[in-house]
């Protein structure tokens, strides 16, 4: 399974490979994705989220989180999130999609 190399600040040589979101791993994926976003100071853009009128610094962090979420999903998820404008909107869409269909 392909994944994204994501450096977590544990030790100089430790690297964590986050698996891509697939139809059968949303629960564990969301826990790991949240941890990665928290580690990189991006989680606050998702919970509680920011509006489209964000300050420049907040927008940069939101874009970082949004990019991360686009990159760690399987291709079949991209159509559902491609129009999302914020990280929170993307996260909520994925959460609802996987809850509704139990993907």
C-alpha atoms as a PDB file:
ATOM      1  CA  UNK A   1       0.000   0.000   0.000  1.00  0.00           C
ATOM      2  CA  UNK A   2       1.330   3.425  -0.909  1.00  0.00           C
ATOM      3  CA  UNK A   3       1.553   6.071   1.751  1.00  0.00           C
ATOM      4  CA  UNK A   4       2.885   9.506   2.396  1.00  0.00           C
ATOM      5  CA  UNK A   5       6.169   9.938   4.169  1.00  0.00           C
ATOM      6  CA  UNK A   6       5.445  12.258   7.044  1.00  0.00           C
ATOM      7  CA  UNK A   7       8.135  13.285   9.478  1.00  0.00           C
ATOM      8  CA  UNK A   8       7.029  13.235  13.094  1.00  0.00           C
ATOM      9  CA  UNK A   9       9.408  14.923  15.526  1.00  0.00           C
ATOM     10  CA  UNK A  10      10.297  11.945  17.721  1.00  0.00           C
ATOM     11  CA  UNK A  11      13.918  11.283  16.935  1.00  0.00           C
ATOM     12  CA  UNK A  12      16.200  12.534  14.223  1.00  0.00           C
ATOM     13  CA  UNK A  13      16.033   9.313  12.203  1.00  0.00           C
ATOM     14  CA  UNK A  14      12.404   8.292  12.842  1.00  0.00           C
ATOM     15  CA  UNK A  15       9.898   8.724  10.037  1.00  0.00           C
ATOM     16  CA  UNK A  16       6.256   7.756   9.996  1.00  0.00           C
ATOM     17  CA  UNK A  17       4.491   6.607   6.857  1.00  0.00           C
ATOM     18  CA  UNK A  18       0.821   7.565   6.873  1.00  0.00           C
ATOM     19  CA  UNK A  19      -1.330   5.207   4.786  1.00  0.00           C
ATOM     20  CA  UNK A  20      -3.677   6.713   2.221  1.00  0.00           C
ATOM     21  CA  UNK A  21      -7.368   6.909   3.034  1.00  0.00           C
ATOM     22  CA  UNK A  22      -9.142   3.915   1.514  1.00  0.00           C
ATOM     23  CA  UNK A  23     -12.636   2.488   1.653  1.00  0.00           C
ATOM     24  CA  UNK A  24     -11.846   0.292   4.642  1.00  0.00           C
ATOM     25  CA  UNK A  25      -9.544   2.338   6.882  1.00  0.00           C
ATOM     26  CA  UNK A  26     -11.275   5.656   7.688  1.00  0.00           C
ATOM     27  CA  UNK A  27     -11.348   5.188  11.461  1.00  0.00           C
ATOM     28  CA  UNK A  28      -7.635   4.466  11.902  1.00  0.00           C
ATOM     29  CA  UNK A  29      -6.690   6.849   9.081  1.00  0.00           C
ATOM     30  CA  UNK A  30      -8.564   9.747  10.726  1.00  0.00           C
ATOM     31  CA  UNK A  31      -6.776   9.180  14.037  1.00  0.00           C
ATOM     32  CA  UNK A  32      -3.366   9.180  12.337  1.00  0.00           C
ATOM     33  CA  UNK A  33      -4.226  12.121  10.066  1.00  0.00           C
ATOM     34  CA  UNK A  34      -5.393  14.155  13.053  1.00  0.00           C
ATOM     35  CA  UNK A  35      -2.157  13.378  14.910  1.00  0.00           C
ATOM     36  CA  UNK A  36      -0.118  14.465  11.895  1.00  0.00           C
ATOM     37  CA  UNK A  37      -2.102  17.702  11.559  1.00  0.00           C
ATOM     38  CA  UNK A  38      -1.752  18.416  15.290  1.00  0.00           C
ATOM     39  CA  UNK A  39       2.001  17.738  15.124  1.00  0.00           C
ATOM     40  CA  UNK A  40       2.343  20.242  12.287  1.00  0.00           C
ATOM     41  CA  UNK A  41       0.190  22.927  13.895  1.00  0.00           C
ATOM     42  CA  UNK A  42      -2.654  22.591  11.373  1.00  0.00           C
ATOM     43  CA  UNK A  43      -5.449  20.910  13.353  1.00  0.00           C
ATOM     44  CA  UNK A  44      -6.946  24.209  14.523  1.00  0.00           C
ATOM     45  CA  UNK A  45      -7.941  24.936  10.923  1.00  0.00           C
ATOM     46  CA  UNK A  46     -10.242  21.913  11.004  1.00  0.00           C
ATOM     47  CA  UNK A  47     -11.681  22.084  14.518  1.00  0.00           C
ATOM     48  CA  UNK A  48     -13.367  24.580  14.839  1.00  0.00           C
ATOM     49  CA  UNK A  49     -12.328  25.641  11.352  1.00  0.00           C
ATOM     50  CA  UNK A  50     -11.909  28.960   9.638  1.00  0.00           C
ATOM     51  CA  UNK A  51     -14.063  30.891   7.230  1.00  0.00           C
ATOM     52  CA  UNK A  52     -13.008  32.051   3.808  1.00  0.00           C
ATOM     53  CA  UNK A  53     -12.099  35.441   5.329  1.00  0.00           C
ATOM     54  CA  UNK A  54      -9.028  34.086   7.098  1.00  0.00           C
ATOM     55  CA  UNK A  55      -5.991  36.128   7.969  1.00  0.00           C
ATOM     56  CA  UNK A  56      -2.950  35.511   5.770  1.00  0.00           C
ATOM     57  CA  UNK A  57      -1.113  33.355   8.323  1.00  0.00           C
ATOM     58  CA  UNK A  58      -4.210  31.280   9.074  1.00  0.00           C
ATOM     59  CA  UNK A  59      -4.863  30.854   5.365  1.00  0.00           C
ATOM     60  CA  UNK A  60      -1.328  29.531   4.820  1.00  0.00           C
ATOM     61  CA  UNK A  61      -1.765  26.958   7.582  1.00  0.00           C
ATOM     62  CA  UNK A  62      -5.204  26.018   6.244  1.00  0.00           C
ATOM     63  CA  UNK A  63      -3.731  25.559   2.767  1.00  0.00           C
ATOM     64  CA  UNK A  64      -1.037  23.315   4.238  1.00  0.00           C
ATOM     65  CA  UNK A  65      -3.694  21.171   5.951  1.00  0.00           C
ATOM     66  CA  UNK A  66      -5.890  21.170   2.829  1.00  0.00           C
ATOM     67  CA  UNK A  67      -2.998  20.021   0.653  1.00  0.00           C
ATOM     68  CA  UNK A  68      -2.142  17.308   3.158  1.00  0.00           C
ATOM     69  CA  UNK A  69      -5.735  16.002   3.099  1.00  0.00           C
ATOM     70  CA  UNK A  70      -5.822  15.973  -0.712  1.00  0.00           C
ATOM     71  CA  UNK A  71      -2.562  14.018  -0.851  1.00  0.00           C
ATOM     72  CA  UNK A  72      -3.427  11.318   1.675  1.00  0.00           C
ATOM     73  CA  UNK A  73      -6.604  10.033   0.084  1.00  0.00           C
ATOM     74  CA  UNK A  74      -7.141   7.343  -2.512  1.00  0.00           C
ATOM     75  CA  UNK A  75      -8.011   8.620  -5.977  1.00  0.00           C
ATOM     76  CA  UNK A  76     -11.669   7.622  -5.615  1.00  0.00           C
ATOM     77  CA  UNK A  77     -12.083  10.199  -2.797  1.00  0.00           C
ATOM     78  CA  UNK A  78     -10.768  13.142  -4.802  1.00  0.00           C
ATOM     79  CA  UNK A  79     -13.951  13.824  -6.763  1.00  0.00           C
ATOM     80  CA  UNK A  80     -15.869  14.264  -3.507  1.00  0.00           C
ATOM     81  CA  UNK A  81     -13.412  16.769  -2.022  1.00  0.00           C
ATOM     82  CA  UNK A  82     -12.015  18.524  -5.097  1.00  0.00           C
ATOM     83  CA  UNK A  83     -14.268  21.571  -4.687  1.00  0.00           C
ATOM     84  CA  UNK A  84     -13.529  22.008  -0.960  1.00  0.00           C
ATOM     85  CA  UNK A  85     -12.162  25.434  -0.136  1.00  0.00           C
ATOM     86  CA  UNK A  86     -10.954  24.830   3.426  1.00  0.00           C
ATOM     87  CA  UNK A  87      -9.365  22.002   5.377  1.00  0.00           C
ATOM     88  CA  UNK A  88     -12.389  21.859   7.654  1.00  0.00           C
ATOM     89  CA  UNK A  89     -14.764  21.488   4.713  1.00  0.00           C
ATOM     90  CA  UNK A  90     -12.594  18.676   3.326  1.00  0.00           C
ATOM     91  CA  UNK A  91     -12.371  16.878   6.673  1.00  0.00           C
ATOM     92  CA  UNK A  92     -16.132  17.174   7.231  1.00  0.00           C
ATOM     93  CA  UNK A  93     -16.882  15.843   3.744  1.00  0.00           C
ATOM     94  CA  UNK A  94     -14.627  12.818   4.260  1.00  0.00           C
ATOM     95  CA  UNK A  95     -16.051  12.205   7.724  1.00  0.00           C
ATOM     96  CA  UNK A  96     -19.661  12.365   6.482  1.00  0.00           C
ATOM     97  CA  UNK A  97     -18.929  10.265   3.426  1.00  0.00           C
ATOM     98  CA  UNK A  98     -17.327   7.487   5.443  1.00  0.00           C
ATOM     99  CA  UNK A  99     -19.932   7.620   8.210  1.00  0.00           C
ATOM    100  CA  UNK A 100     -22.869   7.562   5.813  1.00  0.00           C
ATOM    101  CA  UNK A 101     -21.601   4.744   3.645  1.00  0.00           C
ATOM    102  CA  UNK A 102     -19.449   3.072   6.305  1.00  0.00           C
ATOM    103  CA  UNK A 103     -16.477   3.168   3.974  1.00  0.00           C
END
